[in-house]
PDB file of N, CA and C in Angstrom:
ATOM      1  N   MET A   1      24.667  -1.265 -46.902  1.00  0.00           N
ATOM      2  CA  MET A   1      23.618  -0.728 -47.478  1.00  0.00           C
ATOM      3  C   MET A   1      22.730   0.185 -46.656  1.00  0.00           C
ATOM      4  N   ALA A   2      22.688   1.432 -46.911  1.00  0.00           N
ATOM      5  CA  ALA A   2      21.857   2.304 -46.053  1.00  0.00           C
ATOM      6  C   ALA A   2      20.446   1.832 -45.834  1.00  0.00           C
ATOM      7  N   SER A   3      19.792   1.194 -46.776  1.00  0.00           N
ATOM      8  CA  SER A   3      18.333   0.811 -46.509  1.00  0.00           C
ATOM      9  C   SER A   3      18.415  -0.331 -45.531  1.00  0.00           C
ATOM     10  N   ASP A   4      19.418  -1.129 -45.472  1.00  0.00           N
ATOM     11  CA  ASP A   4      19.409  -2.153 -44.435  1.00  0.00           C
ATOM     12  C   ASP A   4      19.488  -1.600 -43.051  1.00  0.00           C
ATOM     13  N   ARG A   5      19.951  -0.398 -42.873  1.00  0.00           N
ATOM     14  CA  ARG A   5      20.018   0.307 -41.545  1.00  0.00           C
ATOM     15  C   ARG A   5      18.785   1.077 -41.170  1.00  0.00           C
ATOM     16  N   LEU A   6      17.854   1.346 -42.184  1.00  0.00           N
ATOM     17  CA  LEU A   6      16.711   2.177 -41.954  1.00  0.00           C
ATOM     18  C   LEU A   6      15.817   1.580 -40.974  1.00  0.00           C
ATOM     19  N   PRO A   7      15.356   0.384 -41.024  1.00  0.00           N
ATOM     20  CA  PRO A   7      14.547  -0.253 -39.987  1.00  0.00           C
ATOM     21  C   PRO A   7      15.124  -0.056 -38.495  1.00  0.00           C
ATOM     22  N   ASN A   8      16.332  -0.274 -38.296  1.00  0.00           N
ATOM     23  CA  ASN A   8      16.947  -0.274 -37.002  1.00  0.00           C
ATOM     24  C   ASN A   8      16.916   1.379 -36.693  1.00  0.00           C
ATOM     25  N   ALA A   9      17.160   2.122 -37.503  1.00  0.00           N
ATOM     26  CA  ALA A   9      17.046   3.535 -37.233  1.00  0.00           C
ATOM     27  C   ALA A   9      15.786   4.108 -36.768  1.00  0.00           C
ATOM     28  N   ALA A  10      14.715   3.656 -37.571  1.00  0.00           N
ATOM     29  CA  ALA A  10      13.351   3.960 -37.223  1.00  0.00           C
ATOM     30  C   ALA A  10      12.967   3.326 -35.840  1.00  0.00           C
ATOM     31  N   TYR A  11      13.379   2.065 -35.628  1.00  0.00           N
ATOM     32  CA  TYR A  11      13.110   1.389 -34.345  1.00  0.00           C
ATOM     33  C   TYR A  11      13.875   2.203 -33.237  1.00  0.00           C
ATOM     34  N   LEU A  12      15.100   2.682 -33.310  1.00  0.00           N
ATOM     35  CA  LEU A  12      15.676   3.395 -32.185  1.00  0.00           C
ATOM     36  C   LEU A  12      15.006   4.731 -32.189  1.00  0.00           C
ATOM     37  N   ASP A  13      14.740   5.391 -33.064  1.00  0.00           N
ATOM     38  CA  ASP A  13      14.011   6.653 -33.138  1.00  0.00           C
ATOM     39  C   ASP A  13      12.647   6.649 -32.383  1.00  0.00           C
ATOM     40  N   ALA A  14      11.948   5.670 -32.778  1.00  0.00           N
ATOM     41  CA  ALA A  14      10.650   5.378 -32.018  1.00  0.00           C
ATOM     42  C   ALA A  14      10.768   5.174 -30.573  1.00  0.00           C
ATOM     43  N   ALA A  15      11.824   4.407 -30.126  1.00  0.00           N
ATOM     44  CA  ALA A  15      12.062   4.095 -28.860  1.00  0.00           C
ATOM     45  C   ALA A  15      12.496   5.176 -28.085  1.00  0.00           C
ATOM     46  N   LYS A  16      13.464   6.057 -28.717  1.00  0.00           N
ATOM     47  CA  LYS A  16      13.946   7.328 -28.099  1.00  0.00           C
ATOM     48  C   LYS A  16      12.721   8.381 -27.673  1.00  0.00           C
ATOM     49  N   THR A  17      11.793   8.530 -28.696  1.00  0.00           N
ATOM     50  CA  THR A  17      10.752   9.420 -28.480  1.00  0.00           C
ATOM     51  C   THR A  17       9.834   8.832 -27.332  1.00  0.00           C
ATOM     52  N   ILE A  18       9.433   7.556 -27.307  1.00  0.00           N
ATOM     53  CA  ILE A  18       8.657   7.070 -26.313  1.00  0.00           C
ATOM     54  C   ILE A  18       9.462   7.106 -24.900  1.00  0.00           C
ATOM     55  N   TYR A  19      10.629   6.741 -24.907  1.00  0.00           N
ATOM     56  CA  TYR A  19      11.398   6.602 -23.587  1.00  0.00           C
ATOM     57  C   TYR A  19      11.551   8.043 -22.956  1.00  0.00           C
ATOM     58  N   ARG A  20      11.887   9.045 -23.996  1.00  0.00           N
ATOM     59  CA  ARG A  20      11.942  10.471 -23.341  1.00  0.00           C
ATOM     60  C   ARG A  20      10.577  10.984 -22.835  1.00  0.00           C
ATOM     61  N   ALA A  21       9.569  10.610 -23.455  1.00  0.00           N
ATOM     62  CA  ALA A  21       8.237  11.087 -23.140  1.00  0.00           C
ATOM     63  C   ALA A  21       7.782  10.515 -21.816  1.00  0.00           C
ATOM     64  N   ALA A  22       8.233   9.131 -21.585  1.00  0.00           N
ATOM     65  CA  ALA A  22       7.808   8.383 -20.377  1.00  0.00           C
ATOM     66  C   ALA A  22       8.822   8.356 -19.326  1.00  0.00           C
ATOM     67  N   ILE A  23      10.040   8.376 -19.572  1.00  0.00           N
ATOM     68  CA  ILE A  23      11.010   8.113 -18.540  1.00  0.00           C
ATOM     69  C   ILE A  23      11.882   9.263 -18.277  1.00  0.00           C
ATOM     70  N   ASP A  24      12.641   9.641 -19.280  1.00  0.00           N
ATOM     71  CA  ASP A  24      13.742  10.689 -19.152  1.00  0.00           C
ATOM     72  C   ASP A  24      13.813  11.763 -20.162  1.00  0.00           C
ATOM     73  N   PRO A  25      13.265  12.770 -20.139  1.00  0.00           N
ATOM     74  CA  PRO A  25      13.226  13.642 -21.221  1.00  0.00           C
ATOM     75  C   PRO A  25      14.735  14.220 -21.574  1.00  0.00           C
ATOM     76  N   SER A  26      15.502  14.062 -20.538  1.00  0.00           N
ATOM     77  CA  SER A  26      16.847  14.608 -20.877  1.00  0.00           C
ATOM     78  C   SER A  26      17.828  13.484 -21.425  1.00  0.00           C
ATOM     79  N   ALA A  27      17.338  12.368 -21.629  1.00  0.00           N
ATOM     80  CA  ALA A  27      18.179  11.235 -22.256  1.00  0.00           C
ATOM     81  C   ALA A  27      18.781  11.674 -23.594  1.00  0.00           C
ATOM     82  N   LEU A  28      20.037  11.617 -23.799  1.00  0.00           N
ATOM     83  CA  LEU A  28      20.681  12.137 -24.990  1.00  0.00           C
ATOM     84  C   LEU A  28      21.120  11.017 -26.038  1.00  0.00           C
ATOM     85  N   ASP A  29      21.127  11.413 -27.243  1.00  0.00           N
ATOM     86  CA  ASP A  29      21.609  10.367 -28.251  1.00  0.00           C
ATOM     87  C   ASP A  29      23.194  10.018 -27.872  1.00  0.00           C
ATOM     88  N   ALA A  30      23.783  10.823 -27.287  1.00  0.00           N
ATOM     89  CA  ALA A  30      25.149  10.434 -26.830  1.00  0.00           C
ATOM     90  C   ALA A  30      25.355   9.262 -25.923  1.00  0.00           C
ATOM     91  N   GLU A  31      24.083   8.758 -25.413  1.00  0.00           N
ATOM     92  CA  GLU A  31      24.384   7.541 -24.640  1.00  0.00           C
ATOM     93  C   GLU A  31      24.811   6.447 -25.523  1.00  0.00           C
ATOM     94  N   GLY A  32      24.664   6.629 -26.714  1.00  0.00           N
ATOM     95  CA  GLY A  32      25.227   5.513 -27.628  1.00  0.00           C
ATOM     96  C   GLY A  32      24.316   4.533 -28.118  1.00  0.00           C
ATOM     97  N   GLU A  33      24.596   3.948 -29.460  1.00  0.00           N
ATOM     98  CA  GLU A  33      23.608   3.045 -30.022  1.00  0.00           C
ATOM     99  C   GLU A  33      23.429   1.789 -29.183  1.00  0.00           C
ATOM    100  N   ALA A  34      24.478   1.300 -28.609  1.00  0.00           N
ATOM    101  CA  ALA A  34      24.237   0.079 -27.833  1.00  0.00           C
ATOM    102  C   ALA A  34      23.270   0.255 -26.718  1.00  0.00           C
ATOM    103  N   TRP A  35      23.459   1.286 -26.000  1.00  0.00           N
ATOM    104  CA  TRP A  35      22.525   1.635 -24.898  1.00  0.00           C
ATOM    105  C   TRP A  35      21.129   1.827 -25.247  1.00  0.00           C
ATOM    106  N   TRP A  36      20.927   2.675 -26.385  1.00  0.00           N
ATOM    107  CA  TRP A  36      19.615   2.804 -26.983  1.00  0.00           C
ATOM    108  C   TRP A  36      18.955   1.652 -27.499  1.00  0.00           C
ATOM    109  N   SER A  37      19.878   0.729 -28.049  1.00  0.00           N
ATOM    110  CA  SER A  37      19.317  -0.516 -28.681  1.00  0.00           C
ATOM    111  C   SER A  37      18.734  -1.393 -27.470  1.00  0.00           C
ATOM    112  N   ALA A  38      19.446  -1.486 -26.491  1.00  0.00           N
ATOM    113  CA  ALA A  38      19.022  -2.073 -25.225  1.00  0.00           C
ATOM    114  C   ALA A  38      17.696  -1.633 -24.762  1.00  0.00           C
ATOM    115  N   VAL A  39      17.631  -0.214 -24.583  1.00  0.00           N
ATOM    116  CA  VAL A  39      16.517   0.404 -24.141  1.00  0.00           C
ATOM    117  C   VAL A  39      15.312   0.193 -24.998  1.00  0.00           C
ATOM    118  N   ALA A  40      15.642   0.254 -26.370  1.00  0.00           N
ATOM    119  CA  ALA A  40      14.524  -0.051 -27.292  1.00  0.00           C
ATOM    120  C   ALA A  40      13.778  -1.399 -27.257  1.00  0.00           C
ATOM    121  N   ASP A  41      14.751  -2.451 -26.916  1.00  0.00           N
ATOM    122  CA  ASP A  41      14.224  -3.676 -26.972  1.00  0.00           C
ATOM    123  C   ASP A  41      13.434  -3.817 -25.732  1.00  0.00           C
ATOM    124  N   GLU A  42      13.762  -3.207 -24.410  1.00  0.00           N
ATOM    125  CA  GLU A  42      12.916  -3.166 -23.325  1.00  0.00           C
ATOM    126  C   GLU A  42      11.722  -2.401 -23.526  1.00  0.00           C
ATOM    127  N   VAL A  43      11.714  -1.302 -24.162  1.00  0.00           N
ATOM    128  CA  VAL A  43      10.573  -0.428 -24.455  1.00  0.00           C
ATOM    129  C   VAL A  43       9.485  -1.394 -25.226  1.00  0.00           C
ATOM    130  N   ALA A  44       9.943  -2.029 -26.136  1.00  0.00           N
ATOM    131  CA  ALA A  44       9.175  -2.792 -27.093  1.00  0.00           C
ATOM    132  C   ALA A  44       8.558  -3.947 -26.294  1.00  0.00           C
ATOM    133  N   GLU A  45       9.358  -4.466 -25.361  1.00  0.00           N
ATOM    134  CA  GLU A  45       8.887  -5.662 -24.641  1.00  0.00           C
ATOM    135  C   GLU A  45       7.695  -5.066 -23.615  1.00  0.00           C
ATOM    136  N   VAL A  46       7.945  -4.003 -23.040  1.00  0.00           N
ATOM    137  CA  VAL A  46       6.883  -3.284 -22.135  1.00  0.00           C
ATOM    138  C   VAL A  46       5.640  -3.132 -22.889  1.00  0.00           C
ATOM    139  N   ILE A  47       5.658  -2.498 -24.079  1.00  0.00           N
ATOM    140  CA  ILE A  47       4.609  -2.307 -24.961  1.00  0.00           C
ATOM    141  C   ILE A  47       3.864  -3.551 -25.384  1.00  0.00           C
ATOM    142  N   ALA A  48       4.617  -4.645 -25.621  1.00  0.00           N
ATOM    143  CA  ALA A  48       3.923  -5.869 -26.153  1.00  0.00           C
ATOM    144  C   ALA A  48       3.440  -6.682 -25.041  1.00  0.00           C
ATOM    145  N   ALA A  49       4.003  -6.533 -23.891  1.00  0.00           N
ATOM    146  CA  ALA A  49       3.426  -7.293 -22.725  1.00  0.00           C
ATOM    147  C   ALA A  49       1.981  -7.367 -22.561  1.00  0.00           C
ATOM    148  N   PRO A  50       1.444  -8.481 -22.398  1.00  0.00           N
ATOM    149  CA  PRO A  50       0.006  -8.727 -22.303  1.00  0.00           C
ATOM    150  C   PRO A  50      -0.572  -8.051 -21.035  1.00  0.00           C
ATOM    151  N   THR A  51       0.041  -8.029 -20.004  1.00  0.00           N
ATOM    152  CA  THR A  51      -0.421  -7.411 -18.778  1.00  0.00           C
ATOM    153  C   THR A  51       0.387  -6.165 -18.262  1.00  0.00           C
ATOM    154  N   ALA A  52      -0.134  -5.463 -17.346  1.00  0.00           N
ATOM    155  CA  ALA A  52       0.691  -4.316 -16.766  1.00  0.00           C
ATOM    156  C   ALA A  52       1.743  -4.971 -15.866  1.00  0.00           C
ATOM    157  N   SER A  53       1.348  -6.152 -15.175  1.00  0.00           N
ATOM    158  CA  SER A  53       2.352  -6.834 -14.372  1.00  0.00           C
ATOM    159  C   SER A  53       3.440  -7.300 -15.150  1.00  0.00           C
ATOM    160  N   GLN A  54       3.291  -7.928 -16.217  1.00  0.00           N
ATOM    161  CA  GLN A  54       4.314  -8.441 -16.973  1.00  0.00           C
ATOM    162  C   GLN A  54       5.109  -7.264 -17.659  1.00  0.00           C
ATOM    163  N   ALA A  55       4.544  -6.207 -17.967  1.00  0.00           N
ATOM    164  CA  ALA A  55       5.290  -5.070 -18.575  1.00  0.00           C
ATOM    165  C   ALA A  55       6.262  -4.476 -17.393  1.00  0.00           C
ATOM    166  N   ALA A  56       5.757  -4.384 -16.177  1.00  0.00           N
ATOM    167  CA  ALA A  56       6.550  -3.936 -14.934  1.00  0.00           C
ATOM    168  C   ALA A  56       7.741  -4.941 -14.834  1.00  0.00           C
ATOM    169  N   GLN A  57       7.554  -6.043 -15.020  1.00  0.00           N
ATOM    170  CA  GLN A  57       8.605  -7.146 -14.808  1.00  0.00           C
ATOM    171  C   GLN A  57       9.811  -6.860 -15.891  1.00  0.00           C
ATOM    172  N   VAL A  58       9.510  -6.339 -16.972  1.00  0.00           N
ATOM    173  CA  VAL A  58      10.592  -6.159 -18.007  1.00  0.00           C
ATOM    174  C   VAL A  58      11.550  -4.973 -17.395  1.00  0.00           C
ATOM    175  N   VAL A  59      10.975  -4.137 -16.800  1.00  0.00           N
ATOM    176  CA  VAL A  59      11.898  -3.034 -16.346  1.00  0.00           C
ATOM    177  C   VAL A  59      12.326  -3.065 -14.792  1.00  0.00           C
ATOM    178  N   ALA A  60      11.834  -4.101 -14.042  1.00  0.00           N
ATOM    179  CA  ALA A  60      12.074  -4.245 -12.621  1.00  0.00           C
ATOM    180  C   ALA A  60      13.462  -4.311 -12.250  1.00  0.00           C
ATOM    181  N   TRP A  61      14.317  -4.731 -13.246  1.00  0.00           N
ATOM    182  CA  TRP A  61      15.779  -4.784 -12.874  1.00  0.00           C
ATOM    183  C   TRP A  61      16.370  -3.397 -12.634  1.00  0.00           C
ATOM    184  N   TRP A  62      15.653  -2.373 -13.047  1.00  0.00           N
ATOM    185  CA  TRP A  62      16.167  -1.053 -12.865  1.00  0.00           C
ATOM    186  C   TRP A  62      15.906  -0.548 -11.279  1.00  0.00           C
ATOM    187  N   HIS A  63      15.555  -1.586 -10.493  1.00  0.00           N
ATOM    188  CA  HIS A  63      15.015  -1.186  -8.999  1.00  0.00           C
ATOM    189  C   HIS A  63      15.779  -0.128  -8.436  1.00  0.00           C
ATOM    190  N   ARG A  64      16.963  -0.101  -8.347  1.00  0.00           N
ATOM    191  CA  ARG A  64      17.857   0.865  -7.743  1.00  0.00           C
ATOM    192  C   ARG A  64      17.513   2.425  -8.198  1.00  0.00           C
ATOM    193  N   ASP A  65      17.405   2.409  -9.511  1.00  0.00           N
ATOM    194  CA  ASP A  65      17.106   3.703 -10.179  1.00  0.00           C
ATOM    195  C   ASP A  65      15.678   3.953  -9.825  1.00  0.00           C
ATOM    196  N   TRP A  66      14.870   3.107  -9.852  1.00  0.00           N
ATOM    197  CA  TRP A  66      13.394   3.527  -9.508  1.00  0.00           C
ATOM    198  C   TRP A  66      13.350   4.123  -8.010  1.00  0.00           C
ATOM    199  N   THR A  67      13.885   3.405  -7.163  1.00  0.00           N
ATOM    200  CA  THR A  67      13.836   3.874  -5.691  1.00  0.00           C
ATOM    201  C   THR A  67      14.508   5.124  -5.498  1.00  0.00           C
ATOM    202  N   SER A  68      15.467   5.466  -6.216  1.00  0.00           N
ATOM    203  CA  SER A  68      16.306   6.695  -6.023  1.00  0.00           C
ATOM    204  C   SER A  68      15.445   7.866  -6.492  1.00  0.00           C
ATOM    205  N   VAL A  69      14.448   7.634  -7.375  1.00  0.00           N
ATOM    206  CA  VAL A  69      13.574   8.725  -7.604  1.00  0.00           C
ATOM    207  C   VAL A  69      12.167   8.669  -7.245  1.00  0.00           C
ATOM    208  N   ASN A  70      11.927   7.669  -6.219  1.00  0.00           N
ATOM    209  CA  ASN A  70      10.720   7.392  -5.629  1.00  0.00           C
ATOM    210  C   ASN A  70       9.689   7.046  -6.667  1.00  0.00           C
ATOM    211  N   ASP A  71      10.092   6.077  -7.630  1.00  0.00           N
ATOM    212  CA  ASP A  71       9.282   5.581  -8.675  1.00  0.00           C
ATOM    213  C   ASP A  71       9.148   4.071  -8.528  1.00  0.00           C
ATOM    214  N   THR A  72       8.371   3.394  -9.436  1.00  0.00           N
ATOM    215  CA  THR A  72       8.078   2.094  -9.339  1.00  0.00           C
ATOM    216  C   THR A  72       8.272   1.364 -10.723  1.00  0.00           C
ATOM    217  N   PRO A  73       8.762   0.236 -10.924  1.00  0.00           N
ATOM    218  CA  PRO A  73       8.660  -0.435 -12.287  1.00  0.00           C
ATOM    219  C   PRO A  73       7.165  -0.381 -12.951  1.00  0.00           C
ATOM    220  N   ARG A  74       6.138  -0.544 -12.062  1.00  0.00           N
ATOM    221  CA  ARG A  74       4.877  -0.470 -12.604  1.00  0.00           C
ATOM    222  C   ARG A  74       4.333   0.818 -13.118  1.00  0.00           C
ATOM    223  N   ALA A  75       4.796   1.759 -12.417  1.00  0.00           N
ATOM    224  CA  ALA A  75       4.495   3.261 -12.741  1.00  0.00           C
ATOM    225  C   ALA A  75       5.211   3.519 -13.954  1.00  0.00           C
ATOM    226  N   ALA A  76       6.484   3.171 -14.060  1.00  0.00           N
ATOM    227  CA  ALA A  76       7.252   3.480 -15.299  1.00  0.00           C
ATOM    228  C   ALA A  76       6.676   2.744 -16.463  1.00  0.00           C
ATOM    229  N   ALA A  77       6.362   1.359 -16.380  1.00  0.00           N
ATOM    230  CA  ALA A  77       5.824   0.568 -17.434  1.00  0.00           C
ATOM    231  C   ALA A  77       4.533   1.303 -17.937  1.00  0.00           C
ATOM    232  N   ALA A  78       3.835   1.824 -16.918  1.00  0.00           N
ATOM    233  CA  ALA A  78       2.478   2.337 -17.343  1.00  0.00           C
ATOM    234  C   ALA A  78       2.646   3.701 -18.292  1.00  0.00           C
ATOM    235  N   ARG A  79       3.680   4.429 -17.751  1.00  0.00           N
ATOM    236  CA  ARG A  79       4.039   5.732 -18.490  1.00  0.00           C
ATOM    237  C   ARG A  79       4.507   5.279 -19.879  1.00  0.00           C
ATOM    238  N   ILE A  80       5.336   4.310 -20.001  1.00  0.00           N
ATOM    239  CA  ILE A  80       5.708   3.786 -21.461  1.00  0.00           C
ATOM    240  C   ILE A  80       4.643   3.462 -22.246  1.00  0.00           C
ATOM    241  N   ARG A  81       3.689   2.735 -21.603  1.00  0.00           N
ATOM    242  CA  ARG A  81       2.554   2.282 -22.540  1.00  0.00           C
ATOM    243  C   ARG A  81       1.687   3.398 -22.854  1.00  0.00           C
ATOM    244  N   ARG A  82       1.461   4.297 -22.003  1.00  0.00           N
ATOM    245  CA  ARG A  82       0.603   5.545 -22.297  1.00  0.00           C
ATOM    246  C   ARG A  82       1.311   6.430 -23.335  1.00  0.00           C
ATOM    247  N   ALA A  83       2.644   6.572 -23.192  1.00  0.00           N
ATOM    248  CA  ALA A  83       3.379   7.290 -24.101  1.00  0.00           C
ATOM    249  C   ALA A  83       3.437   6.481 -25.552  1.00  0.00           C
ATOM    250  N   ALA A  84       3.454   5.347 -25.531  1.00  0.00           N
ATOM    251  CA  ALA A  84       3.305   4.566 -26.937  1.00  0.00           C
ATOM    252  C   ALA A  84       2.019   4.703 -27.418  1.00  0.00           C
ATOM    253  N   ARG A  85       0.914   4.649 -26.699  1.00  0.00           N
ATOM    254  CA  ARG A  85      -0.443   4.789 -27.210  1.00  0.00           C
ATOM    255  C   ARG A  85      -0.734   6.102 -27.740  1.00  0.00           C
ATOM    256  N   ALA A  86       0.059   7.244 -27.173  1.00  0.00           N
ATOM    257  CA  ALA A  86      -0.210   8.513 -27.628  1.00  0.00           C
ATOM    258  C   ALA A  86       0.446   8.832 -28.977  1.00  0.00           C
ATOM    259  N   GLN A  87       1.511   7.957 -29.198  1.00  0.00           N
ATOM    260  CA  GLN A  87       2.374   8.080 -30.474  1.00  0.00           C
ATOM    261  C   GLN A  87       2.170   6.657 -31.282  1.00  0.00           C
ATOM    262  N   SER A  88       0.971   6.464 -31.628  1.00  0.00           N
ATOM    263  CA  SER A  88       0.570   5.237 -32.250  1.00  0.00           C
ATOM    264  C   SER A  88       1.411   4.795 -33.642  1.00  0.00           C
ATOM    265  N   GLY A  89       1.948   5.756 -34.318  1.00  0.00           N
ATOM    266  CA  GLY A  89       2.697   5.439 -35.537  1.00  0.00           C
ATOM    267  C   GLY A  89       4.183   4.987 -34.987  1.00  0.00           C
ATOM    268  N   LEU A  90       4.685   5.493 -34.009  1.00  0.00           N
ATOM    269  CA  LEU A  90       5.963   5.120 -33.378  1.00  0.00           C
ATOM    270  C   LEU A  90       5.763   3.757 -32.664  1.00  0.00           C
ATOM    271  N   ARG A  91       4.656   3.582 -31.930  1.00  0.00           N
ATOM    272  CA  ARG A  91       4.258   2.282 -31.307  1.00  0.00           C
ATOM    273  C   ARG A  91       4.308   1.264 -32.382  1.00  0.00           C
ATOM    274  N   ARG A  92       3.699   1.376 -33.440  1.00  0.00           N
ATOM    275  CA  ARG A  92       3.577   0.409 -34.597  1.00  0.00           C
ATOM    276  C   ARG A  92       5.028   0.079 -35.025  1.00  0.00           C
ATOM    277  N   ARG A  93       5.765   1.176 -35.329  1.00  0.00           N
ATOM    278  CA  ARG A  93       7.152   1.014 -35.765  1.00  0.00           C
ATOM    279  C   ARG A  93       8.091   0.171 -34.885  1.00  0.00           C
ATOM    280  N   LEU A  94       7.833   0.569 -33.463  1.00  0.00           N
ATOM    281  CA  LEU A  94       8.627  -0.134 -32.524  1.00  0.00           C
ATOM    282  C   LEU A  94       8.363  -1.652 -32.498  1.00  0.00           C
ATOM    283  N   LEU A  95       6.977  -2.047 -32.451  1.00  0.00           N
ATOM    284  CA  LEU A  95       6.415  -3.098 -32.290  1.00  0.00           C
ATOM    285  C   LEU A  95       6.683  -3.982 -33.447  1.00  0.00           C
ATOM    286  N   ALA A  96       6.881  -3.422 -34.653  1.00  0.00           N
ATOM    287  CA  ALA A  96       7.318  -4.102 -35.826  1.00  0.00           C
ATOM    288  C   ALA A  96       8.444  -5.068 -35.675  1.00  0.00           C
ATOM    289  N   GLY A  97       9.283  -4.650 -34.859  1.00  0.00           N
ATOM    290  CA  GLY A  97      10.424  -5.417 -34.565  1.00  0.00           C
ATOM    291  C   GLY A  97      10.398  -6.411 -33.434  1.00  0.00           C
ATOM    292  N   ALA A  98       9.254  -6.498 -32.810  1.00  0.00           N
ATOM    293  CA  ALA A  98       8.951  -7.389 -31.733  1.00  0.00           C
ATOM    294  C   ALA A  98       8.244  -8.685 -32.079  1.00  0.00           C
ATOM    295  N   ARG A  99       8.653  -9.744 -31.594  1.00  0.00           N
ATOM    296  CA  ARG A  99       7.954 -11.047 -31.931  1.00  0.00           C
ATOM    297  C   ARG A  99       6.703 -11.172 -31.002  1.00  0.00           C
ATOM    298  N   SER A 100       5.901 -11.958 -31.226  1.00  0.00           N
ATOM    299  CA  SER A 100       4.596 -12.110 -30.256  1.00  0.00           C
ATOM    300  C   SER A 100       5.152 -12.904 -29.130  1.00  0.00           C
ATOM    301  N   ALA A 101       4.272 -13.052 -28.144  1.00  0.00           N
ATOM    302  CA  ALA A 101       4.575 -13.766 -26.957  1.00  0.00           C
ATOM    303  C   ALA A 101       4.998 -15.269 -27.213  1.00  0.00           C
ATOM    304  N   SER A 102       5.897 -15.863 -26.449  1.00  0.00           N
ATOM    305  CA  SER A 102       6.268 -17.206 -26.583  1.00  0.00           C
ATOM    306  C   SER A 102       5.236 -18.022 -25.993  1.00  0.00           C
ATOM    307  N   PRO A 103       5.302 -19.348 -26.103  1.00  0.00           N
ATOM    308  CA  PRO A 103       4.437 -20.194 -25.417  1.00  0.00           C
ATOM    309  C   PRO A 103       4.501 -20.051 -23.986  1.00  0.00           C
ATOM    310  N   SER A 104       5.672 -19.667 -23.442  1.00  0.00           N
ATOM    311  CA  SER A 104       5.800 -19.413 -21.864  1.00  0.00           C
ATOM    312  C   SER A 104       5.053 -18.278 -21.485  1.00  0.00           C
ATOM    313  N   GLY A 105       4.624 -17.367 -22.436  1.00  0.00           N
ATOM    314  CA  GLY A 105       3.919 -16.049 -21.936  1.00  0.00           C
ATOM    315  C   GLY A 105       5.064 -15.096 -22.041  1.00  0.00           C
ATOM    316  N   ASP A 106       6.344 -15.260 -22.209  1.00  0.00           N
ATOM    317  CA  ASP A 106       7.410 -14.110 -22.243  1.00  0.00           C
ATOM    318  C   ASP A 106       7.276 -13.611 -23.677  1.00  0.00           C
ATOM    319  N   THR A 107       7.565 -12.226 -23.727  1.00  0.00           N
ATOM    320  CA  THR A 107       7.587 -11.463 -24.863  1.00  0.00           C
ATOM    321  C   THR A 107       9.136 -11.309 -25.187  1.00  0.00           C
ATOM    322  N   HIS A 108       9.538 -11.649 -26.440  1.00  0.00           N
ATOM    323  CA  HIS A 108      10.782 -11.502 -26.820  1.00  0.00           C
ATOM    324  C   HIS A 108      10.883 -10.608 -28.090  1.00  0.00           C
ATOM    325  N   VAL A 109      11.960  -9.905 -28.186  1.00  0.00           N
ATOM    326  CA  VAL A 109      12.247  -8.957 -29.290  1.00  0.00           C
ATOM    327  C   VAL A 109      13.119  -9.668 -30.369  1.00  0.00           C
ATOM    328  N   ALA A 110      12.679  -9.555 -31.657  1.00  0.00           N
ATOM    329  CA  ALA A 110      13.433 -10.017 -32.632  1.00  0.00           C
ATOM    330  C   ALA A 110      14.705  -9.482 -32.912  1.00  0.00           C
ATOM    331  N   ASP A 111      15.826 -10.250 -33.210  1.00  0.00           N
ATOM    332  CA  ASP A 111      17.075  -9.790 -33.467  1.00  0.00           C
ATOM    333  C   ASP A 111      17.005  -8.796 -34.787  1.00  0.00           C
ATOM    334  N   ARG A 112      17.728  -7.737 -34.545  1.00  0.00           N
ATOM    335  CA  ARG A 112      17.890  -6.879 -35.772  1.00  0.00           C
ATOM    336  C   ARG A 112      19.274  -6.791 -36.163  1.00  0.00           C
TER     337      ARG A 112
END
């Protein structure tokens, strides 16, 4: 059913817009839905993280990529959060798929 796919499409579109504004304006839809879905989950976790440090931890595993362009996870997380604030409608759409923080303080994204 097409309406079943709409929330996921809106979620991915919101993540693409925020990711392109904050990280890589040249990122293409051709990366594929699986790649974009993983990126969307991480973008949502960065936005939902209670602190800048926790937001940076979400994307810290990209360390090799960050150092190759003289960037840091904290700076990237800050750009993601700023881009999301600038696009408040997209931010709300993206966070609609995210769960609140768990008792451990970790932020987890709902399965779609």
